[in-house]
Amino acid sequence: MKKYEYIFKKLEHDINAGVYQAGDYLPTENELTKTYQVSRDTIRKALGLLAEAGLIKKIHGSGSQVVKNDPIDFPVSKLTSYKELVDAHHITSKTNVISIDKLIVDDTLAALTGFQKNHLVWRVIRQRVVDEVASVLDIDYLDKSLVPDMTREIAEVSIYAYLEKQLHLSIAYAQKEITIDQLTDRDKLLLDIGPEHHVVSVKSKVYLADKRQFQFTESRHKLEKFRFVDFATRHH
């Protein structure tokens, strides 16, 4: 293990153990270099990993502040939009629209999404930044015959609000699949991954009340940022 990785693990343990609480500042870079007898560059690499892991944020002129790291409960059995989740949990979040384009569904995309081959769909890629950490990558495919228009403003605010309030579509249910996936190059580029090698992938085929599929979405999540929960009852 390299020195900066050891220091990252030690500070990560101290934060998780409560030695440093949310809102506390870590020792300065100078203090850490003396404590661990390493260069400032090594300390900066360790602090960079802590920031990517969502454990600290850099405050200009003040240092490295520990941030709240409680996982956010993500309801598996409910069909909840990201905007609704953010509002319900009072999460500090920003959505960055990476791209919006139109695609003709080929064999590969048909197998992934459930849409018919040669169908025209929107593809919307969005990065979700939670507490200043890029934590979720959403890749949405939407049936263009049902969703004729898509703009950056709609994608930034809430696609579901647009579909329900302006297009008056009745969103009814989804079929979900949750897996732990290896990182892709796009994950590495658009998520603050840190030392992780995997993400949680939630794939959903989403249907209207009349049983027409209007959406396929894949949400790729940092492992430690969300906790996937369900409410189960026993049927007799």
Protein backbone atom coordinates (compact mmCIF):
# COMPACT_ATOMS: atom_id res chain seq x y z
CA MET A 1 0.00 0.00 0.00
CA LYS A 2 1.35 3.42 -0.96
CA LYS A 3 1.86 6.04 1.74
CA TYR A 4 -0.97 8.31 0.59
CA GLU A 5 -3.35 5.31 0.52
CA TYR A 6 -2.37 4.39 4.09
CA ILE A 7 -2.97 7.98 5.24
CA PHE A 8 -6.31 8.05 3.42
CA LYS A 9 -7.37 4.81 5.15
CA LYS A 10 -6.25 6.09 8.55
CA LEU A 11 -8.13 9.39 8.20
CA GLU A 12 -11.15 7.60 6.75
CA HIS A 13 -11.19 5.31 9.82
CA ASP A 14 -10.90 8.29 12.18
CA ILE A 15 -13.80 10.07 10.46
CA ASN A 16 -16.02 6.98 10.51
CA ALA A 17 -15.09 6.31 14.15
CA GLY A 18 -16.12 9.83 15.15
CA VAL A 19 -12.65 11.14 15.96
CA TYR A 20 -13.51 13.89 13.50
CA GLN A 21 -17.20 14.87 13.44
CA ALA A 22 -19.15 16.51 10.62
CA GLY A 23 -18.17 20.18 10.61
CA ASP A 24 -14.75 19.57 12.18
CA TYR A 25 -11.58 20.47 10.32
CA LEU A 26 -8.78 17.98 9.80
CA PRO A 27 -5.27 19.00 10.88
CA THR A 28 -3.58 21.32 8.39
CA GLU A 29 -1.43 19.95 5.58
CA ASN A 30 1.68 21.08 7.47
CA GLU A 31 0.54 19.28 10.62
CA LEU A 32 -0.24 16.11 8.66
CA THR A 33 3.14 16.14 6.91
CA LYS A 34 4.83 16.28 10.33
CA THR A 35 2.54 13.60 11.83
CA TYR A 36 3.11 11.10 9.01
CA GLN A 37 6.64 12.20 8.04
CA VAL A 38 5.74 12.50 4.36
CA SER A 39 5.75 15.17 1.67
CA ARG A 40 2.95 17.69 1.19
CA ASP A 41 2.20 16.11 -2.19
CA THR A 42 1.53 12.76 -0.44
CA ILE A 43 -0.85 14.48 2.01
CA ARG A 44 -2.65 16.22 -0.84
CA LYS A 45 -3.17 12.90 -2.62
CA ALA A 46 -4.66 11.40 0.57
CA LEU A 47 -6.93 14.43 1.07
CA GLY A 48 -7.95 14.19 -2.58
CA LEU A 49 -9.14 10.61 -2.00
CA LEU A 50 -11.09 11.73 1.07
CA ALA A 51 -12.77 14.46 -0.98
CA GLU A 52 -13.61 12.04 -3.79
CA ALA A 53 -15.09 9.66 -1.22
CA GLY A 54 -17.36 12.46 -0.01
CA LEU A 55 -15.83 12.56 3.48
CA ILE A 56 -14.36 16.07 3.36
CA LYS A 57 -14.68 19.26 1.37
CA LYS A 58 -11.98 21.83 0.81
CA ILE A 59 -12.81 25.26 2.23
CA HIS A 60 -10.63 27.95 0.66
CA GLY A 61 -8.53 29.59 3.33
CA SER A 62 -9.77 27.26 6.07
CA GLY A 63 -8.71 23.71 5.22
CA SER A 64 -10.41 20.32 4.93
CA GLN A 65 -13.82 20.13 6.60
CA VAL A 66 -15.50 16.82 7.44
CA VAL A 67 -18.95 16.54 5.86
CA LYS A 68 -22.00 14.58 6.91
CA ASN A 69 -21.68 11.09 5.48
CA ASP A 70 -24.92 9.38 6.46
CA PRO A 71 -26.18 7.29 3.51
CA ILE A 72 -29.39 8.51 1.88
CA ASP A 73 -32.29 6.04 1.94
CA PHE A 74 -33.29 5.27 -1.64
CA PRO A 75 -36.71 3.53 -1.78
CA VAL A 76 -36.54 0.46 -4.00
CA SER A 77 -40.25 -0.35 -4.19
CA LYS A 78 -41.43 3.21 -4.80
CA LEU A 79 -41.30 5.02 -8.13
CA THR A 80 -39.67 8.22 -6.86
CA SER A 81 -38.00 10.82 -9.03
CA TYR A 82 -34.59 12.16 -8.04
CA LYS A 83 -36.11 15.63 -7.49
CA GLU A 84 -38.69 14.16 -5.11
CA LEU A 85 -35.95 12.29 -3.21
CA VAL A 86 -33.84 15.44 -2.90
CA ASP A 87 -36.79 17.49 -1.66
CA ALA A 88 -37.93 14.81 0.82
CA HIS A 89 -34.48 14.47 2.41
CA HIS A 90 -33.50 18.16 2.13
CA ILE A 91 -30.38 17.14 0.21
CA THR A 92 -27.96 19.74 -1.11
CA SER A 93 -27.81 18.69 -4.74
CA LYS A 94 -27.13 20.00 -8.22
CA THR A 95 -27.95 18.39 -11.57
CA ASN A 96 -25.54 18.82 -14.49
CA VAL A 97 -26.96 17.85 -17.89
CA ILE A 98 -24.11 16.20 -19.76
CA SER A 99 -25.90 15.53 -23.04
CA ILE A 100 -29.29 15.27 -24.76
CA ASP A 101 -29.50 13.47 -28.08
CA LYS A 102 -31.83 11.42 -30.26
CA LEU A 103 -31.07 7.80 -31.12
CA ILE A 104 -32.57 5.14 -33.35
CA VAL A 105 -32.79 1.93 -31.32
CA ASP A 106 -30.52 -0.82 -32.67
CA ASP A 107 -30.33 -4.47 -31.63
CA THR A 108 -28.02 -3.78 -28.67
CA LEU A 109 -30.11 -0.89 -27.36
CA ALA A 110 -33.32 -2.87 -27.85
CA ALA A 111 -31.93 -5.70 -25.71
CA LEU A 112 -30.89 -3.23 -22.98
CA THR A 113 -33.91 -0.93 -22.88
CA GLY A 114 -36.90 -3.01 -23.99
CA PHE A 115 -37.76 -0.55 -26.77
CA GLN A 116 -38.46 -1.88 -30.25
CA LYS A 117 -35.70 -1.81 -32.84
CA ASN A 118 -35.78 1.29 -35.10
CA HIS A 119 -37.75 3.21 -32.45
CA LEU A 120 -36.73 6.84 -31.94
CA VAL A 121 -35.74 7.73 -28.36
CA TRP A 122 -34.21 10.58 -26.41
CA ARG A 123 -31.05 9.81 -24.46
CA VAL A 124 -30.43 12.15 -21.53
CA ILE A 125 -27.26 11.84 -19.45
CA ARG A 126 -27.21 13.71 -16.13
CA GLN A 127 -24.66 14.00 -13.33
CA ARG A 128 -26.05 14.42 -9.79
CA VAL A 129 -23.77 16.27 -7.38
CA VAL A 130 -24.67 15.63 -3.70
CA ASP A 131 -22.92 17.71 -1.03
CA GLU A 132 -20.39 18.81 -3.67
CA VAL A 133 -19.60 15.17 -4.59
CA ALA A 134 -20.54 13.75 -8.01
CA SER A 135 -22.51 10.78 -6.66
CA VAL A 136 -25.04 9.62 -9.28
CA LEU A 137 -24.95 9.22 -13.05
CA ASP A 138 -28.40 8.95 -14.64
CA ILE A 139 -28.78 7.69 -18.22
CA ASP A 140 -32.39 7.98 -19.42
CA TYR A 141 -33.97 6.75 -22.64
CA LEU A 142 -37.43 8.20 -23.39
CA ASP A 143 -39.88 7.22 -26.14
CA LYS A 144 -39.92 10.24 -28.48
CA SER A 145 -43.42 9.45 -29.72
CA LEU A 146 -44.66 9.98 -26.14
CA VAL A 147 -42.16 12.70 -25.19
CA PRO A 148 -41.88 14.87 -28.32
CA ASP A 149 -39.66 17.57 -26.77
CA MET A 150 -36.73 17.52 -24.37
CA THR A 151 -34.72 20.55 -23.26
CA ARG A 152 -31.81 21.16 -20.92
CA GLU A 153 -34.13 23.08 -18.55
CA ILE A 154 -36.57 20.14 -18.30
CA ALA A 155 -33.69 17.73 -17.66
CA GLU A 156 -32.15 19.99 -15.00
CA VAL A 157 -35.39 20.46 -13.03
CA SER A 158 -37.41 17.23 -13.30
CA ILE A 159 -38.37 15.10 -16.29
CA TYR A 160 -41.20 13.47 -14.31
CA ALA A 161 -42.70 16.84 -13.36
CA TYR A 162 -42.70 17.77 -17.05
CA LEU A 163 -44.28 14.47 -18.10
CA GLU A 164 -47.02 14.57 -15.46
CA LYS A 165 -47.82 18.27 -15.23
CA GLN A 166 -47.34 19.39 -18.84
CA LEU A 167 -47.78 16.29 -20.96
CA HIS A 168 -50.38 14.84 -18.53
CA LEU A 169 -48.93 11.35 -18.76
CA SER A 170 -49.96 8.90 -16.03
CA ILE A 171 -46.77 7.21 -14.76
CA ALA A 172 -47.77 3.94 -13.13
CA TYR A 173 -45.06 1.36 -12.38
CA ALA A 174 -41.53 0.16 -13.04
CA GLN A 175 -39.59 -3.06 -13.32
CA LYS A 176 -36.24 -2.62 -11.51
CA GLU A 177 -32.98 -4.51 -11.48
CA ILE A 178 -30.22 -3.67 -8.97
CA THR A 179 -26.66 -4.91 -9.51
CA ILE A 180 -23.12 -4.11 -8.38
CA ASP A 181 -21.21 -3.25 -11.57
CA GLN A 182 -17.59 -2.68 -12.48
CA LEU A 183 -16.64 0.92 -13.17
CA THR A 184 -16.85 2.13 -16.75
CA ASP A 185 -14.71 4.86 -18.30
CA ARG A 186 -17.78 7.13 -18.16
CA ASP A 187 -18.18 6.44 -14.42
CA LYS A 188 -14.54 7.39 -13.84
CA LEU A 189 -15.00 10.60 -15.81
CA LEU A 190 -18.32 11.77 -14.35
CA LEU A 191 -18.37 10.37 -10.78
CA ASP A 192 -16.08 11.19 -7.85
CA ILE A 193 -15.10 7.56 -7.41
CA GLY A 194 -11.99 7.70 -5.25
CA PRO A 195 -10.53 4.25 -4.48
CA GLU A 196 -13.70 2.35 -5.37
CA HIS A 197 -13.93 -0.19 -8.19
CA HIS A 198 -17.71 -0.66 -8.36
CA VAL A 199 -20.98 1.26 -8.48
CA VAL A 200 -24.57 0.33 -7.65
CA SER A 201 -26.56 0.17 -10.88
CA VAL A 202 -30.36 0.53 -10.79
CA LYS A 203 -31.95 -0.25 -14.15
CA SER A 204 -35.67 0.50 -14.57
CA LYS A 205 -38.21 -0.03 -17.33
CA VAL A 206 -40.98 2.44 -16.57
CA TYR A 207 -44.58 2.20 -17.81
CA LEU A 208 -47.67 4.36 -18.10
CA ALA A 209 -51.05 3.38 -16.68
CA ASP A 210 -52.03 2.00 -20.11
CA LYS A 211 -48.99 -0.35 -19.88
CA ARG A 212 -46.95 1.41 -22.58
CA GLN A 213 -43.25 1.64 -21.77
CA PHE A 214 -42.11 5.26 -22.02
CA GLN A 215 -38.71 5.10 -20.31
CA PHE A 216 -35.67 3.02 -19.61
CA THR A 217 -33.25 4.48 -17.09
CA GLU A 218 -29.99 3.39 -15.53
CA SER A 219 -28.82 5.16 -12.36
CA ARG A 220 -25.24 4.49 -11.34
CA HIS A 221 -24.51 5.34 -7.70
CA LYS A 222 -21.41 5.70 -5.55
CA LEU A 223 -21.47 2.73 -3.18
CA GLU A 224 -21.38 4.58 0.14
CA LYS A 225 -23.67 7.51 -0.72
CA PHE A 226 -27.03 5.72 -0.88
CA ARG A 227 -28.69 2.95 1.12
CA PHE A 228 -31.31 0.98 -0.83
CA VAL A 229 -34.30 0.18 1.34
CA ASP A 230 -37.64 -1.61 0.96
CA PHE A 231 -40.70 -2.23 3.11
CA ALA A 232 -41.75 -5.87 3.01
CA THR A 233 -44.90 -7.50 4.31
CA ARG A 234 -45.68 -11.19 4.67
CA HIS A 235 -48.74 -12.47 2.79
CA HIS A 236 -50.71 -15.23 4.46
